[in-house]
Amino acid sequence: MNKIYPSAAEALKGVVADGQLIAVGGFGLCGIPEALIDALRDSGVKNLTAISNNAGVDDFGLGKLLQTRQIKKMISSYVGENKEFERQYLAGELELEFTPQGTLAEKLRAGGAGIPAFFTKTGVGTLVAEGKELREFDGETYVMERSLLPEVSLVKADVADMSGNLRFNMTARNFNPAAATAGKICIVEVERIVATGEIAPDDVHLPGIYVHRIVLNASPEKRIEKRTTRDRK
């Protein structure tokens, strides 16, 4: 089966739709699927619930979808660098489900592993636990968290082979593997595509069985959120 698509727009065609639950890999602006996000914006789908560690910045990453009002709800752990996000949330225009970062990662990992829910101490006694089941284990209180099963996952990898086996680049791996395994349909954006077998087995970070569609973006912008420098004497 050919998993390679000629463009990000073609890779999304027939998959994305209004009202979907969509997971997007990345951490800050590191390891985000830039071309797929742009194509999602251009598709015009709306009323999305987006699962992502953060919401990009005002004019990049998922921030582009906030500008076009295509996201109705964010499930995130950090949103502090996006003024439009803040404005929409405080105005009651955007729903937000704050989730501790480790819990968010585990909700995706558990979803991909077929685990419907799990117990964690994180959030007990805080707003995070309100309305959720609490249970005691060995004298300690835990909160039950439901796993996440997005209908579509958009992820970024460094290299894919023709079968969809992926290798990520250092910290750009971040949330991408967990998002990929949780999604019912996984679309991946890569900087390089090689022949099946060219990635050494020990270098495969995610098996191709989780990947349904692949698109090449050989020259992503890879914008840095904040660049700080100091004068050298």
Protein backbone atom coordinates (compact mmCIF):
# COMPACT_ATOMS: atom_id res chain seq x y z
CA MET A 1 0.00 0.00 0.00
CA ASN A 2 1.39 3.39 -1.00
CA LYS A 3 1.47 5.75 2.00
CA ILE A 4 3.19 8.65 0.24
CA TYR A 5 1.02 11.64 -0.71
CA PRO A 6 2.12 14.46 -3.04
CA SER A 7 1.14 17.30 -0.70
CA ALA A 8 -0.14 18.03 2.78
CA ALA A 9 -3.51 19.02 1.32
CA GLU A 10 -3.82 15.66 -0.46
CA ALA A 11 -2.82 13.81 2.70
CA LEU A 12 -5.67 15.45 4.63
CA LYS A 13 -8.26 14.99 1.89
CA GLY A 14 -11.10 12.69 2.88
CA VAL A 15 -9.80 12.41 6.46
CA VAL A 16 -10.38 15.70 8.28
CA ALA A 17 -13.89 17.01 8.95
CA ASP A 18 -15.77 19.51 11.08
CA GLY A 19 -16.06 18.73 14.79
CA GLN A 20 -13.22 16.22 14.99
CA LEU A 21 -10.91 15.47 17.89
CA ILE A 22 -7.41 16.00 16.49
CA ALA A 23 -4.03 15.44 18.16
CA VAL A 24 -1.05 17.51 16.99
CA GLY A 25 2.51 16.59 17.91
CA GLY A 26 5.17 19.01 19.05
CA PHE A 27 6.38 20.85 22.11
CA GLY A 28 6.32 24.61 21.80
CA LEU A 29 7.36 25.06 18.18
CA CYS A 30 9.74 22.09 18.30
CA GLY A 31 8.66 19.11 16.25
CA ILE A 32 5.39 20.55 14.98
CA PRO A 33 3.97 19.41 11.61
CA GLU A 34 4.14 22.85 9.96
CA ALA A 35 2.87 21.90 6.50
CA LEU A 36 0.01 19.78 7.87
CA ILE A 37 -1.12 22.60 10.16
CA ASP A 38 -1.16 25.00 7.20
CA ALA A 39 -3.11 22.48 5.13
CA LEU A 40 -5.57 21.96 7.98
CA ARG A 41 -6.14 25.72 8.10
CA ASP A 42 -6.60 25.88 4.33
CA SER A 43 -9.07 22.96 4.40
CA GLY A 44 -11.57 25.18 6.21
CA VAL A 45 -12.70 22.52 8.70
CA LYS A 46 -14.05 24.04 11.91
CA ASN A 47 -15.26 23.32 15.45
CA LEU A 48 -12.16 21.23 16.12
CA THR A 49 -11.03 19.99 19.51
CA ALA A 50 -7.24 20.04 19.42
CA ILE A 51 -5.01 17.99 21.69
CA SER A 52 -1.56 19.54 21.88
CA ASN A 53 0.92 20.33 24.62
CA ASN A 54 0.51 23.99 23.72
CA ALA A 55 -1.24 26.17 21.13
CA GLY A 56 1.74 27.50 19.21
CA VAL A 57 2.29 31.24 19.09
CA ASP A 58 0.08 33.96 17.64
CA ASP A 59 1.16 33.59 14.02
CA PHE A 60 2.67 30.12 13.86
CA GLY A 61 1.76 26.52 14.60
CA LEU A 62 -1.74 26.02 16.00
CA GLY A 63 -1.91 29.77 16.55
CA LYS A 64 -2.85 30.00 12.86
CA LEU A 65 -5.97 27.92 13.51
CA LEU A 66 -6.93 30.11 16.45
CA GLN A 67 -6.71 33.17 14.20
CA THR A 68 -9.17 31.59 11.78
CA ARG A 69 -11.44 30.40 14.62
CA GLN A 70 -11.27 26.76 13.51
CA ILE A 71 -10.58 25.45 17.02
CA LYS A 72 -13.44 25.46 19.53
CA LYS A 73 -11.58 23.65 22.35
CA MET A 74 -7.97 23.02 23.36
CA ILE A 75 -6.74 20.13 25.52
CA SER A 76 -3.32 21.40 26.57
CA SER A 77 -0.84 21.77 29.39
CA TYR A 78 0.68 25.15 28.51
CA VAL A 79 -0.76 28.08 26.59
CA GLY A 80 1.17 31.08 27.89
CA GLU A 81 2.77 32.34 24.68
CA ASN A 82 -0.34 32.99 22.63
CA LYS A 83 -2.15 36.33 23.16
CA GLU A 84 -5.01 35.41 20.83
CA PHE A 85 -5.53 32.22 22.83
CA GLU A 86 -5.72 34.29 26.00
CA ARG A 87 -8.14 36.76 24.43
CA GLN A 88 -10.49 34.05 23.11
CA TYR A 89 -10.46 32.11 26.38
CA LEU A 90 -11.13 35.15 28.60
CA ALA A 91 -13.88 36.25 26.23
CA GLY A 92 -15.57 32.86 26.50
CA GLU A 93 -14.96 32.10 22.82
CA LEU A 94 -12.64 29.13 23.38
CA GLU A 95 -13.01 26.12 25.65
CA LEU A 96 -9.95 24.90 27.52
CA GLU A 97 -9.21 21.63 29.31
CA PHE A 98 -5.99 22.18 31.23
CA THR A 99 -4.11 18.91 31.74
CA PRO A 100 -0.82 18.40 33.60
CA GLN A 101 1.92 17.73 31.07
CA GLY A 102 2.78 14.20 32.20
CA THR A 103 -0.90 13.31 32.45
CA LEU A 104 -1.47 14.59 28.91
CA ALA A 105 1.37 12.42 27.61
CA GLU A 106 0.01 9.40 29.44
CA LYS A 107 -3.56 10.01 28.22
CA LEU A 108 -2.26 9.76 24.66
CA ARG A 109 0.06 6.83 25.36
CA ALA A 110 -2.72 4.94 27.14
CA GLY A 111 -5.10 5.59 24.26
CA GLY A 112 -2.62 4.12 21.82
CA ALA A 113 -2.07 1.11 24.09
CA GLY A 114 -5.78 0.34 24.37
CA ILE A 115 -6.01 1.40 28.03
CA PRO A 116 -9.28 3.29 28.59
CA ALA A 117 -8.30 4.96 31.86
CA PHE A 118 -5.60 5.08 34.52
CA PHE A 119 -5.04 6.41 38.05
CA THR A 120 -2.49 9.09 38.97
CA LYS A 121 -1.70 11.21 42.02
CA THR A 122 -1.10 14.26 39.84
CA GLY A 123 -3.85 16.81 40.36
CA VAL A 124 -5.39 15.31 43.49
CA GLY A 125 -6.75 18.11 45.66
CA THR A 126 -6.75 20.63 42.80
CA LEU A 127 -9.15 21.84 40.11
CA VAL A 128 -7.74 19.10 37.86
CA ALA A 129 -9.51 16.44 39.95
CA GLU A 130 -12.92 18.11 40.14
CA GLY A 131 -15.71 15.86 38.90
CA LYS A 132 -13.39 12.88 38.45
CA GLU A 133 -13.37 9.55 40.28
CA LEU A 134 -10.99 9.33 43.24
CA ARG A 135 -9.75 6.04 44.63
CA GLU A 136 -7.40 5.03 47.41
CA PHE A 137 -4.47 2.66 46.85
CA ASP A 138 -2.14 1.73 49.70
CA GLY A 139 -3.29 4.70 51.75
CA GLU A 140 -2.81 7.25 48.94
CA THR A 141 -5.51 9.02 46.93
CA TYR A 142 -5.45 8.87 43.15
CA VAL A 143 -7.58 10.48 40.45
CA MET A 144 -8.85 8.55 37.44
CA GLU A 145 -8.00 10.02 34.04
CA ARG A 146 -9.60 8.85 30.79
CA SER A 147 -7.31 8.18 27.85
CA LEU A 148 -7.51 10.15 24.61
CA LEU A 149 -8.46 8.64 21.24
CA PRO A 150 -8.23 11.34 18.58
CA GLU A 151 -9.86 10.67 15.24
CA VAL A 152 -6.82 12.10 13.45
CA SER A 153 -3.23 12.64 14.56
CA LEU A 154 -0.87 15.02 12.79
CA VAL A 155 2.77 14.38 13.64
CA LYS A 156 6.26 15.37 12.57
CA ALA A 157 9.25 13.06 12.12
CA ASP A 158 12.70 13.48 10.64
CA VAL A 159 12.79 10.41 8.37
CA ALA A 160 10.23 7.90 7.12
CA ASP A 161 10.73 4.87 4.94
CA MET A 162 8.23 3.83 2.29
CA SER A 163 6.48 1.55 4.81
CA GLY A 164 5.97 4.39 7.30
CA ASN A 165 8.63 3.43 9.84
CA LEU A 166 9.74 6.66 11.52
CA ARG A 167 12.83 8.14 13.07
CA PHE A 168 12.55 11.37 15.04
CA ASN A 169 15.26 13.97 15.56
CA MET A 170 16.34 14.31 19.19
CA THR A 171 13.96 16.47 21.30
CA ALA A 172 11.63 16.92 18.32
CA ARG A 173 10.37 13.46 19.21
CA ASN A 174 8.50 14.88 22.26
CA PHE A 175 4.72 14.22 22.01
CA ASN A 176 4.83 12.91 18.45
CA PRO A 177 5.04 9.12 19.04
CA ALA A 178 2.27 9.18 21.66
CA ALA A 179 0.03 11.28 19.41
CA ALA A 180 0.74 8.95 16.48
CA THR A 181 -0.21 5.76 18.30
CA ALA A 182 -3.37 7.25 19.81
CA GLY A 183 -4.88 8.46 16.54
CA LYS A 184 -7.28 6.33 14.54
CA ILE A 185 -5.68 7.86 11.44
CA CYS A 186 -2.08 9.09 11.65
CA ILE A 187 -0.67 11.49 9.08
CA VAL A 188 3.03 12.25 9.33
CA GLU A 189 5.12 15.05 7.86
CA VAL A 190 8.80 14.23 7.31
CA GLU A 191 11.93 15.92 6.00
CA ARG A 192 13.22 12.86 4.20
CA ILE A 193 11.77 9.66 2.73
CA VAL A 194 13.99 6.62 2.19
CA ALA A 195 13.55 3.09 0.89
CA THR A 196 12.05 0.47 3.17
CA GLY A 197 14.89 -1.16 5.08
CA GLU A 198 17.19 1.85 4.91
CA ILE A 199 16.42 2.80 8.52
CA ALA A 200 18.25 0.33 10.76
CA PRO A 201 15.82 -1.65 12.95
CA ASP A 202 17.33 -0.23 16.14
CA ASP A 203 16.82 3.30 14.76
CA VAL A 204 13.08 2.90 14.16
CA HIS A 205 11.38 5.00 16.83
CA LEU A 206 7.84 4.26 15.64
CA PRO A 207 6.78 1.24 13.55
CA GLY A 208 5.01 1.92 10.26
CA ILE A 209 1.90 0.04 11.34
CA TYR A 210 0.80 3.21 13.14
CA VAL A 211 1.30 5.46 10.11
CA HIS A 212 -1.37 5.77 7.41
CA ARG A 213 -0.22 8.71 5.28
CA ILE A 214 3.13 10.44 4.72
CA VAL A 215 3.92 13.81 3.20
CA LEU A 216 7.35 15.28 2.46
CA ASN A 217 8.30 18.75 3.73
CA ALA A 218 12.03 18.90 3.06
CA SER A 219 12.54 22.50 4.20
CA PRO A 220 10.36 23.39 7.19
CA GLU A 221 10.82 26.81 8.74
CA LYS A 222 11.53 25.46 12.27
CA ARG A 223 10.89 28.81 13.88
CA ILE A 224 12.36 29.44 17.33
CA GLU A 225 9.89 30.74 19.93
CA LYS A 226 12.29 33.09 21.68
CA ARG A 227 15.85 33.77 20.66
CA THR A 228 18.06 35.27 23.35
CA THR A 229 21.65 36.31 22.81
CA ARG A 230 24.43 37.93 24.79
CA ASP A 231 27.32 40.07 23.75
CA ARG A 232 30.66 38.30 23.65
CA LYS A 233 33.70 40.31 24.71
